[in-house]
């Protein structure tokens, strides 16, 4: 017979292992950049002890790359709800300590779910954006064929851009740009009702300097973009 107490203890150990995100070295890098981690941002936003996480056990889609063998907590995003000064609020926070917070099918599905839930329940949404754009592994398998994006309006790859216009005028939608905001992580936040961008730390553009150099062989800075 399965001992439920043992199962719960095992679950709690796994939760504790996943809690820090990308690990000590990645957290230190985030702090050295002058940024907080996703969890530190969540703790500062919500009233103490009120945050409830959604999708803690989610993992990325299999891609055929070596990345499949790594444990990537929450697929680089924390999603959930809690209270801010006693009022219910949904939020998501990109975790830059896990693959630079890069966007993927599962990550975007989680964000889309938070938007859908917030709109359906009449609750404000806060998005804390800190992402190095789309995760190439998630778009293309080893063979070069595109992995299905599952980008239906209700979720998947495209849902996170589908919901902001529908939310407008229905529930308050606030975007906090707190780090790199490239490609998809720039498209969706700018459709929020309020956009707050951190000076000198946050950057927003369609492509990053490394990507532009790879395509054009030209060195450009964040500010030049």
N, C-alpha and C. Protein backbone atom coordinates (compact mmCIF):
# COMPACT_ATOMS: atom_id res chain seq x y z
N UNK A 1 0.85 -1.20 0.00
CA UNK A 1 0.00 0.00 0.00
C UNK A 1 0.89 1.26 0.00
N UNK A 2 0.52 2.24 -0.80
CA UNK A 2 1.28 3.48 -0.89
C UNK A 2 1.06 4.32 0.35
N UNK A 3 2.14 4.75 0.97
CA UNK A 3 2.05 5.62 2.13
C UNK A 3 1.93 7.06 1.65
N UNK A 4 0.76 7.66 1.84
CA UNK A 4 0.52 9.02 1.35
C UNK A 4 1.47 10.02 1.98
N UNK A 5 1.85 9.78 3.24
CA UNK A 5 2.77 10.71 3.89
C UNK A 5 4.14 10.71 3.22
N UNK A 6 4.59 9.54 2.78
CA UNK A 6 5.86 9.46 2.07
C UNK A 6 5.78 10.18 0.73
N UNK A 7 4.65 10.02 0.04
CA UNK A 7 4.47 10.71 -1.23
C UNK A 7 4.48 12.22 -1.06
N UNK A 8 3.83 12.70 0.00
CA UNK A 8 3.79 14.14 0.25
C UNK A 8 5.18 14.67 0.61
N UNK A 9 5.94 13.88 1.37
CA UNK A 9 7.30 14.27 1.71
C UNK A 9 8.19 14.33 0.46
N UNK A 10 8.00 13.36 -0.42
CA UNK A 10 8.75 13.33 -1.67
C UNK A 10 8.41 14.54 -2.53
N UNK A 11 7.11 14.89 -2.56
CA UNK A 11 6.65 16.06 -3.32
C UNK A 11 7.25 17.34 -2.77
N UNK A 12 7.30 17.44 -1.45
CA UNK A 12 7.83 18.64 -0.82
C UNK A 12 9.33 18.78 -1.08
N UNK A 13 10.06 17.65 -1.09
CA UNK A 13 11.48 17.69 -1.40
C UNK A 13 11.72 18.17 -2.83
N UNK A 14 10.87 17.71 -3.74
CA UNK A 14 11.00 18.14 -5.13
C UNK A 14 10.68 19.62 -5.26
N UNK A 15 9.68 20.07 -4.52
CA UNK A 15 9.32 21.49 -4.54
C UNK A 15 10.48 22.34 -4.03
N UNK A 16 11.13 21.91 -2.96
CA UNK A 16 12.26 22.64 -2.40
C UNK A 16 13.42 22.69 -3.38
N UNK A 17 13.63 21.59 -4.12
CA UNK A 17 14.72 21.55 -5.09
C UNK A 17 14.48 22.52 -6.24
N UNK A 18 13.22 22.65 -6.64
CA UNK A 18 12.89 23.53 -7.77
C UNK A 18 12.78 24.99 -7.36
N UNK A 19 12.60 25.25 -6.08
CA UNK A 19 12.28 26.59 -5.60
C UNK A 19 13.28 27.66 -6.03
N UNK A 20 14.60 27.43 -5.93
CA UNK A 20 15.53 28.52 -6.25
C UNK A 20 15.53 28.93 -7.71
N UNK A 21 15.04 28.08 -8.61
CA UNK A 21 15.10 28.39 -10.04
C UNK A 21 16.34 27.80 -10.66
N UNK A 22 17.18 28.65 -11.27
CA UNK A 22 18.33 28.14 -12.00
C UNK A 22 19.53 27.76 -11.16
N UNK A 23 19.52 28.03 -9.88
CA UNK A 23 20.64 27.66 -9.04
C UNK A 23 21.46 28.84 -8.57
N UNK A 24 22.37 28.57 -7.64
CA UNK A 24 23.14 29.63 -6.97
C UNK A 24 23.94 30.49 -7.94
N UNK A 25 24.65 29.87 -8.89
CA UNK A 25 25.49 30.62 -9.82
C UNK A 25 24.66 31.57 -10.68
N UNK A 26 23.52 31.09 -11.17
CA UNK A 26 22.66 31.93 -12.03
C UNK A 26 22.01 33.05 -11.23
N UNK A 27 21.66 32.76 -9.98
CA UNK A 27 21.09 33.80 -9.13
C UNK A 27 22.11 34.90 -8.87
N UNK A 28 23.36 34.49 -8.65
CA UNK A 28 24.43 35.46 -8.42
C UNK A 28 24.64 36.34 -9.66
N UNK A 29 24.58 35.74 -10.84
CA UNK A 29 24.71 36.52 -12.08
C UNK A 29 23.58 37.55 -12.19
N UNK A 30 22.39 37.13 -11.83
CA UNK A 30 21.24 38.05 -11.88
C UNK A 30 21.46 39.23 -10.94
N UNK A 31 21.93 38.96 -9.75
CA UNK A 31 22.19 40.04 -8.79
C UNK A 31 23.32 40.94 -9.26
N UNK A 32 24.34 40.36 -9.88
CA UNK A 32 25.46 41.16 -10.38
C UNK A 32 25.04 42.10 -11.51
N UNK A 33 23.96 41.76 -12.19
CA UNK A 33 23.43 42.63 -13.24
C UNK A 33 22.56 43.75 -12.65
N UNK A 34 22.40 43.74 -11.34
CA UNK A 34 21.55 44.74 -10.69
C UNK A 34 20.09 44.39 -10.71
N UNK A 35 19.78 43.11 -10.90
CA UNK A 35 18.39 42.68 -11.00
C UNK A 35 18.03 41.72 -9.87
N UNK A 36 16.76 41.70 -9.52
CA UNK A 36 16.23 40.72 -8.58
C UNK A 36 15.87 39.45 -9.34
N UNK A 37 15.76 38.35 -8.61
CA UNK A 37 15.27 37.13 -9.24
C UNK A 37 13.76 37.19 -9.34
N UNK A 38 13.19 36.27 -10.11
CA UNK A 38 11.74 36.22 -10.26
C UNK A 38 11.06 36.03 -8.92
N UNK A 39 11.61 35.15 -8.07
CA UNK A 39 11.00 34.91 -6.76
C UNK A 39 11.09 36.13 -5.86
N UNK A 40 12.20 36.85 -5.93
CA UNK A 40 12.34 38.07 -5.12
C UNK A 40 11.31 39.11 -5.57
N UNK A 41 11.05 39.17 -6.85
CA UNK A 41 10.05 40.12 -7.35
C UNK A 41 8.65 39.73 -6.90
N UNK A 42 8.36 38.43 -6.95
CA UNK A 42 7.06 37.94 -6.48
C UNK A 42 6.87 38.28 -5.00
N UNK A 43 7.91 38.05 -4.20
CA UNK A 43 7.83 38.32 -2.77
C UNK A 43 7.60 39.79 -2.48
N UNK A 44 8.20 40.65 -3.29
CA UNK A 44 8.03 42.09 -3.07
C UNK A 44 6.64 42.57 -3.49
N UNK A 45 6.07 41.92 -4.52
CA UNK A 45 4.77 42.36 -5.02
C UNK A 45 3.63 41.97 -4.10
N UNK A 46 3.61 40.71 -3.66
CA UNK A 46 2.44 40.18 -2.95
C UNK A 46 2.56 40.33 -1.44
N UNK A 47 1.39 40.45 -0.81
CA UNK A 47 1.34 40.44 0.65
C UNK A 47 1.91 39.11 1.14
N UNK A 48 2.62 39.16 2.23
CA UNK A 48 3.33 37.99 2.75
C UNK A 48 2.39 36.79 2.95
N UNK A 49 2.80 35.66 2.39
CA UNK A 49 2.08 34.41 2.61
C UNK A 49 0.81 34.23 1.81
N UNK A 50 0.55 35.12 0.84
CA UNK A 50 -0.71 35.02 0.10
C UNK A 50 -0.56 34.45 -1.31
N UNK A 51 0.69 34.32 -1.80
CA UNK A 51 0.88 33.89 -3.19
C UNK A 51 0.67 32.39 -3.35
N UNK A 52 -0.11 32.02 -4.37
CA UNK A 52 -0.35 30.62 -4.72
C UNK A 52 0.13 30.40 -6.15
N UNK A 53 1.05 29.48 -6.32
CA UNK A 53 1.63 29.25 -7.65
C UNK A 53 0.79 28.30 -8.48
N UNK A 54 0.76 28.56 -9.78
CA UNK A 54 0.08 27.71 -10.76
C UNK A 54 1.14 27.09 -11.68
N UNK A 55 1.04 25.80 -11.93
CA UNK A 55 1.92 25.17 -12.91
C UNK A 55 3.35 24.98 -12.44
N UNK A 56 3.54 24.68 -11.17
CA UNK A 56 4.89 24.52 -10.64
C UNK A 56 5.64 23.36 -11.29
N UNK A 57 4.92 22.30 -11.72
CA UNK A 57 5.59 21.10 -12.22
C UNK A 57 5.79 21.09 -13.73
N UNK A 58 5.43 22.16 -14.41
CA UNK A 58 5.53 22.17 -15.86
C UNK A 58 6.99 22.07 -16.33
N UNK A 59 7.19 21.38 -17.44
CA UNK A 59 8.50 21.23 -18.07
C UNK A 59 8.37 21.56 -19.55
N UNK A 60 9.47 21.94 -20.21
CA UNK A 60 9.40 22.28 -21.64
C UNK A 60 9.02 21.07 -22.50
N UNK A 61 8.57 21.36 -23.71
CA UNK A 61 8.33 20.31 -24.69
C UNK A 61 9.66 19.67 -25.08
N UNK A 62 9.63 18.39 -25.43
CA UNK A 62 10.84 17.72 -25.91
C UNK A 62 11.18 18.23 -27.31
N UNK A 63 12.48 18.49 -27.53
CA UNK A 63 12.90 19.12 -28.78
C UNK A 63 13.86 18.27 -29.60
N UNK A 64 14.49 17.26 -28.97
CA UNK A 64 15.50 16.49 -29.67
C UNK A 64 16.90 17.03 -29.45
N UNK A 65 17.02 18.18 -28.74
CA UNK A 65 18.32 18.74 -28.42
C UNK A 65 18.76 18.27 -27.04
N UNK A 66 20.05 18.49 -26.73
CA UNK A 66 20.59 18.11 -25.43
C UNK A 66 19.86 18.81 -24.28
N UNK A 67 19.24 19.91 -24.57
CA UNK A 67 18.51 20.67 -23.55
C UNK A 67 17.42 19.82 -22.90
N UNK A 68 16.97 18.78 -23.60
CA UNK A 68 15.93 17.90 -23.07
C UNK A 68 16.37 17.19 -21.80
N UNK A 69 17.68 17.06 -21.60
CA UNK A 69 18.21 16.32 -20.46
C UNK A 69 18.40 17.20 -19.22
N UNK A 70 18.10 18.48 -19.35
CA UNK A 70 18.27 19.39 -18.21
C UNK A 70 16.95 19.60 -17.48
N UNK A 71 17.05 19.81 -16.18
CA UNK A 71 15.86 20.15 -15.41
C UNK A 71 15.69 21.66 -15.47
N UNK A 72 14.57 22.11 -16.02
CA UNK A 72 14.32 23.54 -16.23
C UNK A 72 13.06 23.92 -15.46
N UNK A 73 13.23 24.30 -14.19
CA UNK A 73 12.07 24.56 -13.32
C UNK A 73 11.05 25.52 -13.93
N UNK A 74 9.80 25.06 -13.97
CA UNK A 74 8.65 25.89 -14.35
C UNK A 74 8.71 26.40 -15.79
N UNK A 75 9.62 25.89 -16.58
CA UNK A 75 9.85 26.38 -17.94
C UNK A 75 10.06 27.89 -17.96
N UNK A 76 10.85 28.37 -17.01
CA UNK A 76 11.36 29.76 -17.00
C UNK A 76 10.32 30.82 -16.66
N UNK A 77 9.22 30.45 -16.03
CA UNK A 77 8.26 31.49 -15.64
C UNK A 77 7.49 31.06 -14.39
N UNK A 78 7.32 32.00 -13.48
CA UNK A 78 6.50 31.77 -12.28
C UNK A 78 5.15 32.41 -12.52
N UNK A 79 4.09 31.65 -12.31
CA UNK A 79 2.73 32.14 -12.56
C UNK A 79 1.87 31.83 -11.33
N UNK A 80 1.02 32.77 -10.95
CA UNK A 80 0.14 32.50 -9.82
C UNK A 80 -0.70 33.70 -9.44
N UNK A 81 -1.28 33.63 -8.25
CA UNK A 81 -2.15 34.71 -7.77
C UNK A 81 -1.98 34.86 -6.27
N UNK A 82 -2.38 36.02 -5.78
CA UNK A 82 -2.29 36.30 -4.35
C UNK A 82 -2.93 37.64 -4.07
N UNK A 83 -2.54 38.27 -2.98
CA UNK A 83 -3.12 39.55 -2.60
C UNK A 83 -2.06 40.65 -2.60
N UNK A 84 -2.46 41.80 -3.13
CA UNK A 84 -1.63 43.00 -3.10
C UNK A 84 -2.42 44.05 -2.34
N UNK A 85 -1.96 44.37 -1.15
CA UNK A 85 -2.70 45.27 -0.25
C UNK A 85 -4.14 44.79 -0.08
N UNK A 86 -4.27 43.47 0.06
CA UNK A 86 -5.57 42.88 0.36
C UNK A 86 -6.45 42.62 -0.85
N UNK A 87 -5.97 42.95 -2.05
CA UNK A 87 -6.77 42.74 -3.26
C UNK A 87 -6.19 41.61 -4.09
N UNK A 88 -7.05 40.75 -4.62
CA UNK A 88 -6.59 39.62 -5.44
C UNK A 88 -5.95 40.10 -6.74
N UNK A 89 -4.80 39.53 -7.06
CA UNK A 89 -4.05 39.91 -8.26
C UNK A 89 -3.40 38.66 -8.85
N UNK A 90 -3.44 38.53 -10.18
CA UNK A 90 -2.67 37.49 -10.87
C UNK A 90 -1.34 38.10 -11.31
N UNK A 91 -0.33 37.25 -11.47
CA UNK A 91 0.97 37.75 -11.92
C UNK A 91 1.77 36.63 -12.58
N UNK A 92 2.67 37.06 -13.46
CA UNK A 92 3.68 36.13 -13.97
C UNK A 92 5.02 36.86 -13.94
N UNK A 93 6.10 36.10 -13.75
CA UNK A 93 7.44 36.68 -13.69
C UNK A 93 8.40 35.76 -14.42
N UNK A 94 9.00 36.25 -15.49
CA UNK A 94 10.01 35.47 -16.20
C UNK A 94 11.19 35.20 -15.27
N UNK A 95 11.68 33.97 -15.29
CA UNK A 95 12.81 33.59 -14.45
C UNK A 95 14.07 33.58 -15.30
N UNK A 96 14.86 34.65 -15.22
CA UNK A 96 16.05 34.79 -16.06
C UNK A 96 17.15 33.83 -15.65
N UNK A 97 17.03 33.23 -14.45
CA UNK A 97 18.04 32.26 -14.01
C UNK A 97 17.86 30.90 -14.67
N UNK A 98 16.76 30.72 -15.40
CA UNK A 98 16.50 29.47 -16.13
C UNK A 98 16.49 29.78 -17.62
N UNK A 99 17.57 29.47 -18.30
CA UNK A 99 17.71 29.72 -19.74
C UNK A 99 17.36 31.15 -20.14
N UNK A 100 17.78 32.11 -19.31
CA UNK A 100 17.59 33.54 -19.58
C UNK A 100 16.11 33.89 -19.78
N UNK A 101 15.23 33.13 -19.12
CA UNK A 101 13.80 33.43 -19.20
C UNK A 101 13.22 33.31 -20.59
N UNK A 102 13.91 32.58 -21.48
CA UNK A 102 13.47 32.50 -22.87
C UNK A 102 12.08 31.91 -23.01
N UNK A 103 11.38 32.41 -24.03
CA UNK A 103 9.99 32.02 -24.24
C UNK A 103 9.88 30.68 -24.96
N UNK A 104 8.86 29.93 -24.60
CA UNK A 104 8.62 28.63 -25.21
C UNK A 104 7.12 28.38 -25.25
N UNK A 105 6.74 27.30 -25.87
CA UNK A 105 5.32 26.95 -25.99
C UNK A 105 4.68 26.80 -24.62
N UNK A 106 5.30 26.03 -23.73
CA UNK A 106 4.72 25.78 -22.42
C UNK A 106 4.71 27.05 -21.59
N UNK A 107 5.82 27.81 -21.61
CA UNK A 107 5.85 29.06 -20.86
C UNK A 107 4.72 29.99 -21.29
N UNK A 108 4.58 30.17 -22.60
CA UNK A 108 3.53 31.06 -23.10
C UNK A 108 2.14 30.56 -22.76
N UNK A 109 1.97 29.24 -22.70
CA UNK A 109 0.68 28.68 -22.31
C UNK A 109 0.34 29.05 -20.88
N UNK A 110 1.35 29.03 -20.00
CA UNK A 110 1.13 29.40 -18.60
C UNK A 110 0.76 30.87 -18.47
N UNK A 111 1.45 31.72 -19.22
CA UNK A 111 1.14 33.16 -19.18
C UNK A 111 -0.26 33.41 -19.72
N UNK A 112 -0.59 32.73 -20.82
CA UNK A 112 -1.93 32.89 -21.42
C UNK A 112 -3.02 32.44 -20.44
N UNK A 113 -2.74 31.38 -19.71
CA UNK A 113 -3.72 30.90 -18.73
C UNK A 113 -3.96 31.94 -17.64
N UNK A 114 -2.88 32.58 -17.16
CA UNK A 114 -3.03 33.61 -16.15
C UNK A 114 -3.87 34.77 -16.67
N UNK A 115 -3.63 35.16 -17.93
CA UNK A 115 -4.40 36.25 -18.53
C UNK A 115 -5.87 35.87 -18.64
N UNK A 116 -6.12 34.65 -19.09
CA UNK A 116 -7.50 34.18 -19.25
C UNK A 116 -8.21 34.13 -17.90
N UNK A 117 -7.52 33.62 -16.89
CA UNK A 117 -8.11 33.53 -15.55
C UNK A 117 -8.39 34.92 -14.99
N UNK A 118 -7.44 35.83 -15.14
CA UNK A 118 -7.61 37.19 -14.62
C UNK A 118 -8.81 37.87 -15.25
N UNK A 119 -8.93 37.72 -16.57
CA UNK A 119 -10.05 38.34 -17.27
C UNK A 119 -11.38 37.71 -16.86
N UNK A 120 -11.41 36.39 -16.73
CA UNK A 120 -12.64 35.71 -16.36
C UNK A 120 -13.10 36.01 -14.95
N UNK A 121 -12.14 36.27 -14.05
CA UNK A 121 -12.48 36.51 -12.66
C UNK A 121 -12.52 38.00 -12.31
N UNK A 122 -12.20 38.85 -13.28
CA UNK A 122 -12.22 40.29 -13.03
C UNK A 122 -11.13 40.74 -12.09
N UNK A 123 -9.94 40.16 -12.23
CA UNK A 123 -8.82 40.42 -11.33
C UNK A 123 -7.67 41.05 -12.12
N UNK A 124 -6.99 42.06 -11.56
CA UNK A 124 -5.85 42.68 -12.26
C UNK A 124 -4.73 41.67 -12.52
N UNK A 125 -3.92 41.96 -13.54
CA UNK A 125 -2.77 41.12 -13.89
C UNK A 125 -1.51 41.98 -13.95
N UNK A 126 -0.44 41.48 -13.33
CA UNK A 126 0.87 42.13 -13.40
C UNK A 126 1.85 41.18 -14.07
N UNK A 127 2.48 41.64 -15.14
CA UNK A 127 3.49 40.83 -15.82
C UNK A 127 4.87 41.42 -15.59
N UNK A 128 5.79 40.61 -15.05
CA UNK A 128 7.16 41.06 -14.80
C UNK A 128 8.06 40.42 -15.85
N UNK A 129 8.46 41.23 -16.82
CA UNK A 129 9.10 40.73 -18.03
C UNK A 129 10.62 40.84 -17.93
N UNK A 130 11.30 39.73 -18.18
CA UNK A 130 12.76 39.68 -18.15
C UNK A 130 13.16 38.45 -18.96
N UNK A 131 13.22 38.60 -20.28
CA UNK A 131 13.33 37.43 -21.15
C UNK A 131 14.25 37.67 -22.34
N UNK A 132 15.07 36.68 -22.62
CA UNK A 132 15.98 36.79 -23.76
C UNK A 132 15.38 36.32 -25.07
N UNK A 133 14.10 36.57 -25.27
CA UNK A 133 13.40 36.27 -26.53
C UNK A 133 12.99 34.80 -26.63
N UNK A 134 12.72 34.36 -27.88
CA UNK A 134 12.19 33.02 -28.11
C UNK A 134 13.30 31.98 -28.00
N UNK A 135 12.97 30.85 -27.41
CA UNK A 135 13.93 29.75 -27.28
C UNK A 135 13.96 28.97 -28.59
N UNK A 136 15.06 29.05 -29.29
CA UNK A 136 15.16 28.44 -30.61
C UNK A 136 14.92 26.94 -30.55
N UNK A 137 15.38 26.28 -29.49
CA UNK A 137 15.18 24.83 -29.37
C UNK A 137 13.71 24.47 -29.46
N UNK A 138 12.86 25.35 -28.91
CA UNK A 138 11.43 25.07 -28.84
C UNK A 138 10.76 25.21 -30.20
N UNK A 139 11.37 26.00 -31.09
CA UNK A 139 10.76 26.23 -32.40
C UNK A 139 11.17 25.19 -33.42
N UNK A 140 12.41 24.70 -33.31
CA UNK A 140 12.91 23.79 -34.32
C UNK A 140 13.51 22.54 -33.69
N UNK A 141 13.10 21.38 -34.17
CA UNK A 141 13.69 20.13 -33.71
C UNK A 141 15.04 19.92 -34.37
N UNK A 142 15.75 18.89 -33.94
CA UNK A 142 17.08 18.62 -34.48
C UNK A 142 17.05 18.42 -36.00
N UNK A 143 15.96 17.89 -36.51
CA UNK A 143 15.86 17.63 -37.94
C UNK A 143 15.60 18.88 -38.76
N UNK A 144 15.29 19.99 -38.06
CA UNK A 144 15.00 21.23 -38.76
C UNK A 144 13.52 21.46 -38.97
N UNK A 145 12.68 20.46 -38.66
CA UNK A 145 11.25 20.66 -38.80
C UNK A 145 10.72 21.44 -37.61
N UNK A 146 9.77 22.27 -37.86
CA UNK A 146 9.24 23.12 -36.80
C UNK A 146 8.40 22.30 -35.83
N UNK A 147 8.67 22.50 -34.54
CA UNK A 147 7.86 21.85 -33.52
C UNK A 147 6.50 22.54 -33.47
N UNK A 148 5.39 21.81 -33.39
CA UNK A 148 4.08 22.45 -33.32
C UNK A 148 4.01 23.47 -32.20
N UNK A 149 3.53 24.66 -32.52
CA UNK A 149 3.49 25.73 -31.53
C UNK A 149 2.22 25.68 -30.69
N UNK A 150 1.21 25.02 -31.17
CA UNK A 150 -0.06 24.96 -30.44
C UNK A 150 -0.55 26.37 -30.10
N UNK A 151 -0.40 27.27 -31.07
CA UNK A 151 -0.69 28.67 -30.81
C UNK A 151 -2.13 29.05 -31.03
N UNK A 152 -3.05 28.26 -30.53
CA UNK A 152 -4.45 28.62 -30.67
C UNK A 152 -4.74 29.84 -29.81
N UNK A 153 -5.81 30.58 -30.11
CA UNK A 153 -6.12 31.77 -29.33
C UNK A 153 -6.30 31.49 -27.85
N UNK A 154 -6.65 30.26 -27.49
CA UNK A 154 -6.95 29.96 -26.09
C UNK A 154 -5.69 29.65 -25.29
N UNK A 155 -4.55 29.49 -25.92
CA UNK A 155 -3.35 29.19 -25.16
C UNK A 155 -2.18 28.94 -26.09
N UNK A 156 -1.20 28.18 -25.62
CA UNK A 156 -0.07 27.83 -26.45
C UNK A 156 0.81 29.01 -26.78
N UNK A 157 1.44 28.94 -27.96
CA UNK A 157 2.42 29.93 -28.32
C UNK A 157 1.86 31.32 -28.54
N UNK A 158 0.64 31.43 -29.04
CA UNK A 158 0.11 32.74 -29.39
C UNK A 158 -0.84 33.36 -28.39
N UNK A 159 -1.30 32.59 -27.42
CA UNK A 159 -2.30 33.08 -26.49
C UNK A 159 -1.87 34.28 -25.68
N UNK A 160 -0.57 34.36 -25.37
CA UNK A 160 -0.09 35.47 -24.54
C UNK A 160 -0.18 36.80 -25.28
N UNK A 161 -0.29 36.76 -26.64
CA UNK A 161 -0.49 37.99 -27.40
C UNK A 161 -1.96 38.18 -27.77
N UNK A 162 -2.74 37.13 -27.65
CA UNK A 162 -4.16 37.19 -27.99
C UNK A 162 -4.97 37.89 -26.91
N UNK A 163 -4.61 37.66 -25.65
CA UNK A 163 -5.44 38.14 -24.56
C UNK A 163 -5.31 39.62 -24.20
N UNK A 164 -4.12 40.26 -24.28
CA UNK A 164 -4.04 41.66 -23.86
C UNK A 164 -5.07 42.59 -24.46
N UNK A 165 -5.36 42.53 -25.78
CA UNK A 165 -6.40 43.42 -26.31
C UNK A 165 -7.79 43.12 -25.72
N UNK A 166 -8.05 41.84 -25.45
CA UNK A 166 -9.35 41.48 -24.86
C UNK A 166 -9.46 41.96 -23.42
N UNK A 167 -8.33 42.00 -22.72
CA UNK A 167 -8.32 42.43 -21.32
C UNK A 167 -8.52 43.94 -21.19
N UNK A 168 -8.13 44.68 -22.23
CA UNK A 168 -8.17 46.14 -22.17
C UNK A 168 -9.58 46.65 -21.88
N UNK A 169 -9.71 47.41 -20.81
CA UNK A 169 -11.02 47.94 -20.43
C UNK A 169 -11.84 46.98 -19.59
N UNK A 170 -11.33 45.76 -19.40
CA UNK A 170 -12.05 44.76 -18.60
C UNK A 170 -11.39 44.60 -17.24
N UNK A 171 -10.08 44.37 -17.25
CA UNK A 171 -9.30 44.30 -16.01
C UNK A 171 -8.01 45.07 -16.20
N UNK A 172 -7.47 45.69 -15.15
CA UNK A 172 -6.19 46.39 -15.27
C UNK A 172 -5.07 45.42 -15.61
N UNK A 173 -4.24 45.78 -16.58
CA UNK A 173 -3.11 44.96 -17.01
C UNK A 173 -1.86 45.82 -16.92
N UNK A 174 -0.92 45.43 -16.07
CA UNK A 174 0.28 46.21 -15.82
C UNK A 174 1.51 45.40 -16.23
N UNK A 175 2.39 46.01 -17.03
CA UNK A 175 3.63 45.36 -17.43
C UNK A 175 4.81 46.06 -16.77
N UNK A 176 5.67 45.27 -16.13
CA UNK A 176 6.91 45.79 -15.56
C UNK A 176 8.06 45.21 -16.38
N UNK A 177 8.72 46.05 -17.16
CA UNK A 177 9.86 45.60 -17.95
C UNK A 177 11.11 45.77 -17.10
N UNK A 178 11.69 44.65 -16.67
CA UNK A 178 12.74 44.67 -15.66
C UNK A 178 14.06 44.07 -16.15
N UNK A 179 14.18 43.85 -17.44
CA UNK A 179 15.39 43.26 -18.01
C UNK A 179 15.24 43.26 -19.52
N UNK A 180 15.97 42.39 -20.23
CA UNK A 180 15.82 42.29 -21.67
C UNK A 180 14.39 41.94 -22.06
N UNK A 181 13.89 42.58 -23.08
CA UNK A 181 12.54 42.30 -23.59
C UNK A 181 12.65 42.22 -25.11
N UNK A 182 12.92 41.03 -25.62
CA UNK A 182 13.15 40.85 -27.04
C UNK A 182 12.02 40.06 -27.67
N UNK A 183 11.75 40.37 -28.94
CA UNK A 183 10.78 39.61 -29.73
C UNK A 183 9.44 39.51 -29.00
N UNK A 184 8.96 38.27 -28.77
CA UNK A 184 7.65 38.08 -28.17
C UNK A 184 7.51 38.72 -26.80
N UNK A 185 8.62 38.78 -26.05
CA UNK A 185 8.54 39.39 -24.72
C UNK A 185 8.46 40.90 -24.80
N UNK A 186 8.52 41.47 -26.00
CA UNK A 186 8.29 42.90 -26.19
C UNK A 186 6.90 43.14 -26.77
N UNK A 187 6.42 42.22 -27.61
CA UNK A 187 5.13 42.43 -28.28
C UNK A 187 3.97 42.49 -27.30
N UNK A 188 3.87 41.52 -26.43
CA UNK A 188 2.73 41.43 -25.52
C UNK A 188 2.72 42.53 -24.47
N UNK A 189 3.83 42.81 -23.76
CA UNK A 189 3.79 43.82 -22.70
C UNK A 189 3.37 45.20 -23.15
N UNK A 190 3.72 45.59 -24.39
CA UNK A 190 3.39 46.95 -24.82
C UNK A 190 1.90 47.13 -25.06
N UNK A 191 1.14 46.03 -25.04
CA UNK A 191 -0.32 46.13 -25.18
C UNK A 191 -1.03 46.25 -23.84
N UNK A 192 -0.26 46.31 -22.74
CA UNK A 192 -0.85 46.46 -21.41
C UNK A 192 -1.38 47.88 -21.23
N UNK A 193 -2.20 48.06 -20.20
CA UNK A 193 -2.74 49.39 -19.90
C UNK A 193 -1.66 50.32 -19.35
N UNK A 194 -0.75 49.75 -18.57
CA UNK A 194 0.33 50.52 -17.98
C UNK A 194 1.65 49.77 -18.22
N UNK A 195 2.66 50.48 -18.72
CA UNK A 195 3.97 49.88 -18.98
C UNK A 195 5.01 50.67 -18.20
N UNK A 196 5.69 49.99 -17.29
CA UNK A 196 6.74 50.60 -16.48
C UNK A 196 8.05 49.93 -16.84
N UNK A 197 9.05 50.73 -17.28
CA UNK A 197 10.30 50.18 -17.78
C UNK A 197 11.46 50.70 -16.93
N UNK A 198 12.29 49.79 -16.44
CA UNK A 198 13.39 50.18 -15.58
C UNK A 198 14.53 50.77 -16.40
N UNK A 199 14.95 51.96 -16.02
CA UNK A 199 15.99 52.67 -16.76
C UNK A 199 17.34 51.98 -16.64
N UNK A 200 18.05 51.91 -17.75
CA UNK A 200 19.41 51.37 -17.85
C UNK A 200 19.51 49.86 -17.67
N UNK A 201 18.47 49.21 -17.23
CA UNK A 201 18.48 47.76 -17.02
C UNK A 201 17.60 47.06 -18.05
N UNK A 202 16.46 47.66 -18.36
CA UNK A 202 15.51 47.06 -19.30
C UNK A 202 15.75 47.58 -20.72
N UNK A 203 15.64 46.67 -21.70
CA UNK A 203 15.76 47.02 -23.11
C UNK A 203 14.67 46.30 -23.88
N UNK A 204 14.13 46.97 -24.88
CA UNK A 204 13.04 46.39 -25.65
C UNK A 204 13.34 46.53 -27.14
N UNK A 205 13.35 45.42 -27.86
CA UNK A 205 13.55 45.46 -29.31
C UNK A 205 13.13 44.14 -29.92
N UNK A 206 13.01 44.14 -31.24
CA UNK A 206 12.59 42.93 -31.95
C UNK A 206 13.67 41.85 -31.87
N UNK A 207 14.95 42.27 -31.90
CA UNK A 207 16.05 41.30 -31.86
C UNK A 207 17.16 41.82 -30.96
N UNK A 208 17.96 40.91 -30.43
CA UNK A 208 19.05 41.26 -29.53
C UNK A 208 20.32 41.55 -30.34
N UNK A 209 21.31 42.23 -29.73
CA UNK A 209 22.58 42.48 -30.44
C UNK A 209 23.25 41.22 -30.96
N UNK A 210 23.34 40.12 -30.18
CA UNK A 210 23.96 38.91 -30.72
C UNK A 210 23.24 38.35 -31.95
N UNK A 211 21.91 38.41 -31.94
CA UNK A 211 21.16 37.91 -33.09
C UNK A 211 21.39 38.78 -34.32
N UNK A 212 21.38 40.10 -34.12
CA UNK A 212 21.61 40.99 -35.25
C UNK A 212 23.02 40.80 -35.83
N UNK A 213 23.99 40.56 -34.95
CA UNK A 213 25.34 40.33 -35.45
C UNK A 213 25.42 39.03 -36.25
N UNK A 214 24.71 38.01 -35.77
CA UNK A 214 24.73 36.73 -36.47
C UNK A 214 24.14 36.85 -37.87
N UNK A 215 23.16 37.73 -38.03
CA UNK A 215 22.47 37.88 -39.31
C UNK A 215 23.15 38.89 -40.22
N UNK A 216 23.64 40.00 -39.62
CA UNK A 216 24.17 41.10 -40.44
C UNK A 216 25.68 41.29 -40.33
N UNK A 217 26.33 40.60 -39.37
CA UNK A 217 27.77 40.73 -39.09
C UNK A 217 28.13 42.13 -38.59
N UNK A 218 27.15 42.87 -38.11
CA UNK A 218 27.37 44.23 -37.62
C UNK A 218 27.20 44.24 -36.10
N UNK A 219 28.19 44.87 -35.41
CA UNK A 219 28.11 45.01 -33.96
C UNK A 219 27.24 46.23 -33.63
N UNK A 220 26.24 46.02 -32.78
CA UNK A 220 25.39 47.11 -32.33
C UNK A 220 25.19 46.97 -30.83
N UNK A 221 24.91 48.09 -30.17
CA UNK A 221 24.67 48.07 -28.74
C UNK A 221 23.16 48.07 -28.47
N UNK A 222 22.81 47.82 -27.23
CA UNK A 222 21.39 47.86 -26.85
C UNK A 222 20.82 49.24 -27.14
N UNK A 223 21.56 50.29 -26.75
CA UNK A 223 21.05 51.65 -26.91
C UNK A 223 20.88 52.01 -28.39
N UNK A 224 21.79 51.55 -29.24
CA UNK A 224 21.68 51.83 -30.68
C UNK A 224 20.44 51.19 -31.28
N UNK A 225 20.12 49.99 -30.81
CA UNK A 225 18.89 49.35 -31.29
C UNK A 225 17.69 50.17 -30.89
